[in-house]
PDB file of N, CA and C in Angstrom:
ATOM      1  N   MET A   1     186.896 -11.112 192.773  1.00  0.00           N
ATOM      2  CA  MET A   1     188.047 -10.329 193.161  1.00  0.00           C
ATOM      3  C   MET A   1     189.310 -10.805 192.447  1.00  0.00           C
ATOM      4  N   VAL A   2     189.399 -12.090 192.144  1.00  0.00           N
ATOM      5  CA  VAL A   2     190.582 -12.618 191.459  1.00  0.00           C
ATOM      6  C   VAL A   2     190.747 -11.963 190.098  1.00  0.00           C
ATOM      7  N   VAL A   3     189.641 -11.734 189.408  1.00  0.00           N
ATOM      8  CA  VAL A   3     189.692 -11.090 188.096  1.00  0.00           C
ATOM      9  C   VAL A   3     190.306  -9.702 188.223  1.00  0.00           C
ATOM     10  N   PHE A   4     189.876  -8.950 189.228  1.00  0.00           N
ATOM     11  CA  PHE A   4     190.419  -7.608 189.424  1.00  0.00           C
ATOM     12  C   PHE A   4     191.892  -7.654 189.789  1.00  0.00           C
ATOM     13  N   THR A   5     192.304  -8.646 190.566  1.00  0.00           N
ATOM     14  CA  THR A   5     193.713  -8.780 190.941  1.00  0.00           C
ATOM     15  C   THR A   5     194.565  -8.994 189.701  1.00  0.00           C
ATOM     16  N   LYS A   6     194.127  -9.860 188.795  1.00  0.00           N
ATOM     17  CA  LYS A   6     194.872 -10.102 187.554  1.00  0.00           C
ATOM     18  C   LYS A   6     194.903  -8.842 186.697  1.00  0.00           C
ATOM     19  N   GLN A   7     193.777  -8.157 186.615  1.00  0.00           N
ATOM     20  CA  GLN A   7     193.729  -6.912 185.842  1.00  0.00           C
ATOM     21  C   GLN A   7     194.692  -5.893 186.427  1.00  0.00           C
ATOM     22  N   LEU A   8     194.698  -5.770 187.744  1.00  0.00           N
ATOM     23  CA  LEU A   8     195.584  -4.810 188.401  1.00  0.00           C
ATOM     24  C   LEU A   8     197.047  -5.160 188.171  1.00  0.00           C
ATOM     25  N   GLN A   9     197.379  -6.444 188.201  1.00  0.00           N
ATOM     26  CA  GLN A   9     198.761  -6.862 187.938  1.00  0.00           C
ATOM     27  C   GLN A   9     199.170  -6.502 186.515  1.00  0.00           C
ATOM     28  N   GLN A  10     198.291  -6.743 185.554  1.00  0.00           N
ATOM     29  CA  GLN A  10     198.588  -6.409 184.161  1.00  0.00           C
ATOM     30  C   GLN A  10     198.757  -4.903 183.988  1.00  0.00           C
ATOM     31  N   ILE A  11     197.890  -4.152 184.620  1.00  0.00           N
ATOM     32  CA  ILE A  11     197.975  -2.696 184.524  1.00  0.00           C
ATOM     33  C   ILE A  11     199.258  -2.199 185.165  1.00  0.00           C
ATOM     34  N   PHE A  12     199.604  -2.749 186.328  1.00  0.00           N
ATOM     35  CA  PHE A  12     200.831  -2.337 187.006  1.00  0.00           C
ATOM     36  C   PHE A  12     202.046  -2.578 186.120  1.00  0.00           C
ATOM     37  N   GLU A  13     202.098  -3.716 185.459  1.00  0.00           N
ATOM     38  CA  GLU A  13     203.229  -4.020 184.576  1.00  0.00           C
ATOM     39  C   GLU A  13     203.352  -2.971 183.472  1.00  0.00           C
ATOM     40  N   LYS A  14     202.225  -2.500 182.961  1.00  0.00           N
ATOM     41  CA  LYS A  14     202.250  -1.475 181.917  1.00  0.00           C
ATOM     42  C   LYS A  14     202.646  -0.115 182.476  1.00  0.00           C
ATOM     43  N   LEU A  15     202.229   0.160 183.710  1.00  0.00           N
ATOM     44  CA  LEU A  15     202.404   1.497 184.270  1.00  0.00           C
ATOM     45  C   LEU A  15     203.683   1.696 185.075  1.00  0.00           C
ATOM     46  N   LYS A  16     204.359   0.632 185.457  1.00  0.00           N
ATOM     47  CA  LYS A  16     205.487   0.783 186.386  1.00  0.00           C
ATOM     48  C   LYS A  16     206.610   1.651 185.827  1.00  0.00           C
ATOM     49  N   ASP A  17     206.789   1.679 184.535  1.00  0.00           N
ATOM     50  CA  ASP A  17     207.825   2.514 183.927  1.00  0.00           C
ATOM     51  C   ASP A  17     207.226   3.708 183.181  1.00  0.00           C
ATOM     52  N   TYR A  18     205.982   3.983 183.446  1.00  0.00           N
ATOM     53  CA  TYR A  18     205.232   5.029 182.757  1.00  0.00           C
ATOM     54  C   TYR A  18     205.707   6.409 183.200  1.00  0.00           C
ATOM     55  N   GLU A  19     205.896   7.292 182.244  1.00  0.00           N
ATOM     56  CA  GLU A  19     206.276   8.668 182.554  1.00  0.00           C
ATOM     57  C   GLU A  19     205.051   9.425 183.069  1.00  0.00           C
ATOM     58  N   ILE A  20     205.169   9.984 184.248  1.00  0.00           N
ATOM     59  CA  ILE A  20     204.064  10.717 184.846  1.00  0.00           C
ATOM     60  C   ILE A  20     203.945  12.081 184.172  1.00  0.00           C
ATOM     61  N   LYS A  21     202.716  12.422 183.804  1.00  0.00           N
ATOM     62  CA  LYS A  21     202.434  13.689 183.132  1.00  0.00           C
ATOM     63  C   LYS A  21     201.475  14.500 183.997  1.00  0.00           C
ATOM     64  N   SER A  22     201.170  15.705 183.557  1.00  0.00           N
ATOM     65  CA  SER A  22     200.171  16.506 184.275  1.00  0.00           C
ATOM     66  C   SER A  22     198.805  15.839 184.124  1.00  0.00           C
ATOM     67  N   ILE A  23     197.900  16.175 185.015  1.00  0.00           N
ATOM     68  CA  ILE A  23     196.557  15.599 184.950  1.00  0.00           C
ATOM     69  C   ILE A  23     195.888  15.921 183.622  1.00  0.00           C
ATOM     70  N   PHE A  24     196.187  17.084 183.069  1.00  0.00           N
ATOM     71  CA  PHE A  24     195.585  17.476 181.801  1.00  0.00           C
ATOM     72  C   PHE A  24     196.091  16.590 180.665  1.00  0.00           C
ATOM     73  N   GLU A  25     197.383  16.305 180.664  1.00  0.00           N
ATOM     74  CA  GLU A  25     197.948  15.420 179.637  1.00  0.00           C
ATOM     75  C   GLU A  25     197.461  13.990 179.836  1.00  0.00           C
ATOM     76  N   GLU A  26     197.377  13.539 181.087  1.00  0.00           N
ATOM     77  CA  GLU A  26     196.918  12.180 181.371  1.00  0.00           C
ATOM     78  C   GLU A  26     195.511  11.951 180.835  1.00  0.00           C
ATOM     79  N   LEU A  27     194.703  12.990 180.875  1.00  0.00           N
ATOM     80  CA  LEU A  27     193.326  12.873 180.413  1.00  0.00           C
ATOM     81  C   LEU A  27     193.156  13.301 178.964  1.00  0.00           C
ATOM     82  N   GLY A  28     194.284  13.448 178.265  1.00  0.00           N
ATOM     83  CA  GLY A  28     194.217  13.813 176.853  1.00  0.00           C
ATOM     84  C   GLY A  28     193.824  15.254 176.637  1.00  0.00           C
ATOM     85  N   LEU A  29     194.217  16.103 177.576  1.00  0.00           N
ATOM     86  CA  LEU A  29     193.815  17.503 177.525  1.00  0.00           C
ATOM     87  C   LEU A  29     195.020  18.427 177.574  1.00  0.00           C
ATOM     88  N   PRO A  30     195.707  18.644 176.469  1.00  0.00           N
ATOM     89  CA  PRO A  30     196.806  19.608 176.535  1.00  0.00           C
ATOM     90  C   PRO A  30     196.327  20.955 177.067  1.00  0.00           C
ATOM     91  N   LYS A  31     195.095  21.300 176.752  1.00  0.00           N
ATOM     92  CA  LYS A  31     194.484  22.518 177.283  1.00  0.00           C
ATOM     93  C   LYS A  31     193.332  22.080 178.190  1.00  0.00           C
ATOM     94  N   PRO A  32     193.295  22.557 179.422  1.00  0.00           N
ATOM     95  CA  PRO A  32     192.325  22.054 180.388  1.00  0.00           C
ATOM     96  C   PRO A  32     190.862  22.336 180.082  1.00  0.00           C
ATOM     97  N   ASN A  33     190.543  23.130 179.101  1.00  0.00           N
ATOM     98  CA  ASN A  33     189.142  23.442 178.816  1.00  0.00           C
ATOM     99  C   ASN A  33     188.526  22.567 177.724  1.00  0.00           C
ATOM    100  N   ARG A  34     189.272  21.606 177.199  1.00  0.00           N
ATOM    101  CA  ARG A  34     188.744  20.754 176.130  1.00  0.00           C
ATOM    102  C   ARG A  34     187.769  19.719 176.672  1.00  0.00           C
ATOM    103  N   ASP A  35     187.021  19.143 175.771  1.00  0.00           N
ATOM    104  CA  ASP A  35     186.062  18.101 176.105  1.00  0.00           C
ATOM    105  C   ASP A  35     186.795  16.865 176.613  1.00  0.00           C
ATOM    106  N   LEU A  36     186.261  16.236 177.634  1.00  0.00           N
ATOM    107  CA  LEU A  36     186.918  15.070 178.227  1.00  0.00           C
ATOM    108  C   LEU A  36     186.545  13.755 177.554  1.00  0.00           C
ATOM    109  N   SER A  37     185.709  13.788 176.550  1.00  0.00           N
ATOM    110  CA  SER A  37     185.277  12.541 175.926  1.00  0.00           C
ATOM    111  C   SER A  37     186.386  11.872 175.121  1.00  0.00           C
ATOM    112  N   ASN A  38     187.505  12.539 174.926  1.00  0.00           N
ATOM    113  CA  ASN A  38     188.612  11.984 174.138  1.00  0.00           C
ATOM    114  C   ASN A  38     189.730  11.406 174.996  1.00  0.00           C
ATOM    115  N   ILE A  39     189.405  10.941 176.184  1.00  0.00           N
ATOM    116  CA  ILE A  39     190.413  10.391 177.083  1.00  0.00           C
ATOM    117  C   ILE A  39     190.991   9.118 176.471  1.00  0.00           C
ATOM    118  N   ASN A  40     192.322   9.029 176.458  1.00  0.00           N
ATOM    119  CA  ASN A  40     193.008   7.860 175.921  1.00  0.00           C
ATOM    120  C   ASN A  40     192.767   6.663 176.839  1.00  0.00           C
ATOM    121  N   PRO A  41     192.175   5.581 176.332  1.00  0.00           N
ATOM    122  CA  PRO A  41     191.870   4.422 177.176  1.00  0.00           C
ATOM    123  C   PRO A  41     193.102   3.800 177.831  1.00  0.00           C
ATOM    124  N   ASP A  42     194.264   3.863 177.180  1.00  0.00           N
ATOM    125  CA  ASP A  42     195.478   3.299 177.775  1.00  0.00           C
ATOM    126  C   ASP A  42     195.914   4.083 179.007  1.00  0.00           C
ATOM    127  N   ASP A  43     195.644   5.369 179.019  1.00  0.00           N
ATOM    128  CA  ASP A  43     196.055   6.206 180.142  1.00  0.00           C
ATOM    129  C   ASP A  43     195.160   6.043 181.363  1.00  0.00           C
ATOM    130  N   VAL A  44     193.992   5.475 181.198  1.00  0.00           N
ATOM    131  CA  VAL A  44     193.055   5.367 182.313  1.00  0.00           C
ATOM    132  C   VAL A  44     192.665   3.925 182.634  1.00  0.00           C
ATOM    133  N   SER A  45     193.503   2.974 182.266  1.00  0.00           N
ATOM    134  CA  SER A  45     193.166   1.570 182.491  1.00  0.00           C
ATOM    135  C   SER A  45     192.968   1.253 183.970  1.00  0.00           C
ATOM    136  N   LEU A  46     193.798   1.805 184.834  1.00  0.00           N
ATOM    137  CA  LEU A  46     193.645   1.586 186.271  1.00  0.00           C
ATOM    138  C   LEU A  46     192.349   2.227 186.764  1.00  0.00           C
ATOM    139  N   ASP A  47     192.075   3.418 186.280  1.00  0.00           N
ATOM    140  CA  ASP A  47     190.837   4.096 186.665  1.00  0.00           C
ATOM    141  C   ASP A  47     189.623   3.249 186.306  1.00  0.00           C
ATOM    142  N   LYS A  48     189.644   2.653 185.128  1.00  0.00           N
ATOM    143  CA  LYS A  48     188.497   1.864 184.673  1.00  0.00           C
ATOM    144  C   LYS A  48     188.212   0.700 185.614  1.00  0.00           C
ATOM    145  N   VAL A  49     189.264   0.036 186.094  1.00  0.00           N
ATOM    146  CA  VAL A  49     189.076  -1.076 187.031  1.00  0.00           C
ATOM    147  C   VAL A  49     188.441  -0.558 188.321  1.00  0.00           C
ATOM    148  N   ILE A  50     188.960   0.551 188.821  1.00  0.00           N
ATOM    149  CA  ILE A  50     188.430   1.123 190.062  1.00  0.00           C
ATOM    150  C   ILE A  50     186.989   1.578 189.871  1.00  0.00           C
ATOM    151  N   PHE A  51     186.712   2.240 188.748  1.00  0.00           N
ATOM    152  CA  PHE A  51     185.345   2.683 188.479  1.00  0.00           C
ATOM    153  C   PHE A  51     184.398   1.488 188.377  1.00  0.00           C
ATOM    154  N   GLU A  52     184.873   0.397 187.793  1.00  0.00           N
ATOM    155  CA  GLU A  52     184.051  -0.803 187.668  1.00  0.00           C
ATOM    156  C   GLU A  52     183.723  -1.365 189.049  1.00  0.00           C
ATOM    157  N   VAL A  53     184.731  -1.418 189.922  1.00  0.00           N
ATOM    158  CA  VAL A  53     184.512  -1.908 191.285  1.00  0.00           C
ATOM    159  C   VAL A  53     183.487  -1.017 191.999  1.00  0.00           C
ATOM    160  N   LEU A  54     183.566   0.286 191.766  1.00  0.00           N
ATOM    161  CA  LEU A  54     182.634   1.229 192.392  1.00  0.00           C
ATOM    162  C   LEU A  54     181.255   1.224 191.738  1.00  0.00           C
ATOM    163  N   GLY A  55     181.160   0.592 190.569  1.00  0.00           N
ATOM    164  CA  GLY A  55     179.883   0.511 189.875  1.00  0.00           C
ATOM    165  C   GLY A  55     179.458   1.805 189.200  1.00  0.00           C
ATOM    166  N   LEU A  56     180.425   2.628 188.793  1.00  0.00           N
ATOM    167  CA  LEU A  56     180.105   3.899 188.142  1.00  0.00           C
ATOM    168  C   LEU A  56     179.789   3.696 186.665  1.00  0.00           C
ATOM    169  N   THR A  57     178.787   4.405 186.196  1.00  0.00           N
ATOM    170  CA  THR A  57     178.460   4.377 184.771  1.00  0.00           C
ATOM    171  C   THR A  57     179.504   5.198 184.016  1.00  0.00           C
ATOM    172  N   GLU A  58     179.504   5.093 182.682  1.00  0.00           N
ATOM    173  CA  GLU A  58     180.440   5.888 181.882  1.00  0.00           C
ATOM    174  C   GLU A  58     180.205   7.381 182.101  1.00  0.00           C
ATOM    175  N   GLU A  59     178.959   7.770 182.218  1.00  0.00           N
ATOM    176  CA  GLU A  59     178.633   9.178 182.456  1.00  0.00           C
ATOM    177  C   GLU A  59     179.201   9.634 183.806  1.00  0.00           C
ATOM    178  N   GLU A  60     179.069   8.800 184.824  1.00  0.00           N
ATOM    179  CA  GLU A  60     179.611   9.137 186.147  1.00  0.00           C
ATOM    180  C   GLU A  60     181.137   9.190 186.119  1.00  0.00           C
ATOM    181  N   GLN A  61     181.743   8.287 185.360  1.00  0.00           N
ATOM    182  CA  GLN A  61     183.204   8.292 185.231  1.00  0.00           C
ATOM    183  C   GLN A  61     183.674   9.600 184.598  1.00  0.00           C
ATOM    184  N   LEU A  62     182.998  10.015 183.549  1.00  0.00           N
ATOM    185  CA  LEU A  62     183.348  11.265 182.877  1.00  0.00           C
ATOM    186  C   LEU A  62     183.190  12.446 183.834  1.00  0.00           C
ATOM    187  N   GLU A  63     182.162  12.398 184.653  1.00  0.00           N
ATOM    188  CA  GLU A  63     181.942  13.466 185.631  1.00  0.00           C
ATOM    189  C   GLU A  63     183.080  13.506 186.653  1.00  0.00           C
ATOM    190  N   VAL A  64     183.591  12.347 187.055  1.00  0.00           N
ATOM    191  CA  VAL A  64     184.736  12.301 187.976  1.00  0.00           C
ATOM    192  C   VAL A  64     185.924  13.025 187.353  1.00  0.00           C
ATOM    193  N   TYR A  65     186.218  12.736 186.097  1.00  0.00           N
ATOM    194  CA  TYR A  65     187.339  13.398 185.418  1.00  0.00           C
ATOM    195  C   TYR A  65     187.124  14.910 185.347  1.00  0.00           C
ATOM    196  N   LYS A  66     185.900  15.322 185.037  1.00  0.00           N
ATOM    197  CA  LYS A  66     185.617  16.756 184.946  1.00  0.00           C
ATOM    198  C   LYS A  66     185.840  17.443 186.295  1.00  0.00           C
ATOM    199  N   VAL A  67     185.391  16.805 187.364  1.00  0.00           N
ATOM    200  CA  VAL A  67     185.555  17.384 188.699  1.00  0.00           C
ATOM    201  C   VAL A  67     187.033  17.450 189.074  1.00  0.00           C
ATOM    202  N   VAL A  68     187.782  16.393 188.772  1.00  0.00           N
ATOM    203  CA  VAL A  68     189.218  16.389 189.079  1.00  0.00           C
ATOM    204  C   VAL A  68     189.921  17.518 188.332  1.00  0.00           C
ATOM    205  N   VAL A  69     189.631  17.667 187.054  1.00  0.00           N
ATOM    206  CA  VAL A  69     190.251  18.733 186.263  1.00  0.00           C
ATOM    207  C   VAL A  69     189.891  20.095 186.850  1.00  0.00           C
ATOM    208  N   GLU A  70     188.632  20.276 187.221  1.00  0.00           N
ATOM    209  CA  GLU A  70     188.208  21.561 187.793  1.00  0.00           C
ATOM    210  C   GLU A  70     188.923  21.831 189.117  1.00  0.00           C
ATOM    211  N   LEU A  71     189.048  20.815 189.965  1.00  0.00           N
ATOM    212  CA  LEU A  71     189.759  20.988 191.238  1.00  0.00           C
ATOM    213  C   LEU A  71     191.225  21.345 191.018  1.00  0.00           C
ATOM    214  N   VAL A  72     191.861  20.695 190.061  1.00  0.00           N
ATOM    215  CA  VAL A  72     193.268  20.995 189.767  1.00  0.00           C
ATOM    216  C   VAL A  72     193.396  22.424 189.244  1.00  0.00           C
ATOM    217  N   LYS A  73     192.500  22.827 188.351  1.00  0.00           N
ATOM    218  CA  LYS A  73     192.536  24.198 187.829  1.00  0.00           C
ATOM    219  C   LYS A  73     192.383  25.213 188.961  1.00  0.00           C
ATOM    220  N   GLN A  74     191.450  24.951 189.883  1.00  0.00           N
ATOM    221  CA  GLN A  74     191.245  25.858 191.014  1.00  0.00           C
ATOM    222  C   GLN A  74     192.482  25.913 191.909  1.00  0.00           C
ATOM    223  N   ARG A  75     193.080  24.765 192.148  1.00  0.00           N
ATOM    224  CA  ARG A  75     194.269  24.707 193.006  1.00  0.00           C
ATOM    225  C   ARG A  75     195.437  25.445 192.357  1.00  0.00           C
ATOM    226  N   LEU A  76     195.618  25.280 191.061  1.00  0.00           N
ATOM    227  CA  LEU A  76     196.685  25.988 190.356  1.00  0.00           C
ATOM    228  C   LEU A  76     196.456  27.498 190.390  1.00  0.00           C
ATOM    229  N   ALA A  77     195.208  27.910 190.231  1.00  0.00           N
ATOM    230  CA  ALA A  77     194.888  29.340 190.284  1.00  0.00           C
ATOM    231  C   ALA A  77     195.167  29.895 191.680  1.00  0.00           C
ATOM    232  N   LYS A  78     194.800  29.142 192.702  1.00  0.00           N
ATOM    233  CA  LYS A  78     195.051  29.585 194.074  1.00  0.00           C
ATOM    234  C   LYS A  78     196.552  29.683 194.343  1.00  0.00           C
ATOM    235  N   ALA A  79     197.299  28.694 193.906  1.00  0.00           N
ATOM    236  CA  ALA A  79     198.751  28.712 194.104  1.00  0.00           C
ATOM    237  C   ALA A  79     199.371  29.925 193.421  1.00  0.00           C
ATOM    238  N   LYS A  80     198.846  30.280 192.275  1.00  0.00           N
ATOM    239  CA  LYS A  80     199.362  31.432 191.533  1.00  0.00           C
ATOM    240  C   LYS A  80     199.104  32.732 192.301  1.00  0.00           C
ATOM    241  N   THR A  81     197.917  32.867 192.886  1.00  0.00           N
ATOM    242  CA  THR A  81     197.613  34.091 193.634  1.00  0.00           C
ATOM    243  C   THR A  81     198.437  34.176 194.911  1.00  0.00           C
ATOM    244  N   VAL A  82     198.658  33.060 195.576  1.00  0.00           N
ATOM    245  CA  VAL A  82     199.490  33.049 196.786  1.00  0.00           C
ATOM    246  C   VAL A  82     200.922  33.414 196.428  1.00  0.00           C
ATOM    247  N   SER A  83     201.411  32.879 195.328  1.00  0.00           N
ATOM    248  CA  SER A  83     202.768  33.172 194.868  1.00  0.00           C
ATOM    249  C   SER A  83     202.921  34.655 194.546  1.00  0.00           C
ATOM    250  N   ASN A  84     201.919  35.231 193.907  1.00  0.00           N
ATOM    251  CA  ASN A  84     201.956  36.660 193.562  1.00  0.00           C
ATOM    252  C   ASN A  84     201.946  37.534 194.811  1.00  0.00           C
ATOM    253  N   LYS A  85     201.221  37.136 195.843  1.00  0.00           N
ATOM    254  CA  LYS A  85     201.173  37.904 197.086  1.00  0.00           C
ATOM    255  C   LYS A  85     202.527  37.895 197.786  1.00  0.00           C
ATOM    256  N   LYS A  86     203.232  36.769 197.728  1.00  0.00           N
ATOM    257  CA  LYS A  86     204.542  36.653 198.376  1.00  0.00           C
ATOM    258  C   LYS A  86     205.581  37.531 197.697  1.00  0.00           C
ATOM    259  N   LYS A  87     205.428  37.772 196.406  1.00  0.00           N
ATOM    260  CA  LYS A  87     206.391  38.573 195.643  1.00  0.00           C
ATOM    261  C   LYS A  87     206.286  40.055 195.985  1.00  0.00           C
ATOM    262  N   ARG A  88     205.174  40.473 196.541  1.00  0.00           N
ATOM    263  CA  ARG A  88     204.964  41.902 196.838  1.00  0.00           C
ATOM    264  C   ARG A  88     205.745  42.336 198.021  1.00  0.00           C
TER     265      ARG A  88
END
């Protein structure tokens, strides 16, 4: 656990002044339909520590990102339809 604590402290120091972007930009996806295999390792350093603690394989980690992107896309689409209904 001490190793993870040091890793988390180092990651926090890098991220504390980090500009928050959309989930698509964070995952290296200006367009949400692109392949997720090009995720910038610097942008997901905290995720990697958490995935390691959870014991997820690289394939499982990639699947987590795909599911998150899909959920965000669905939520944005739903918000758009609700917004359109209110305008009527």
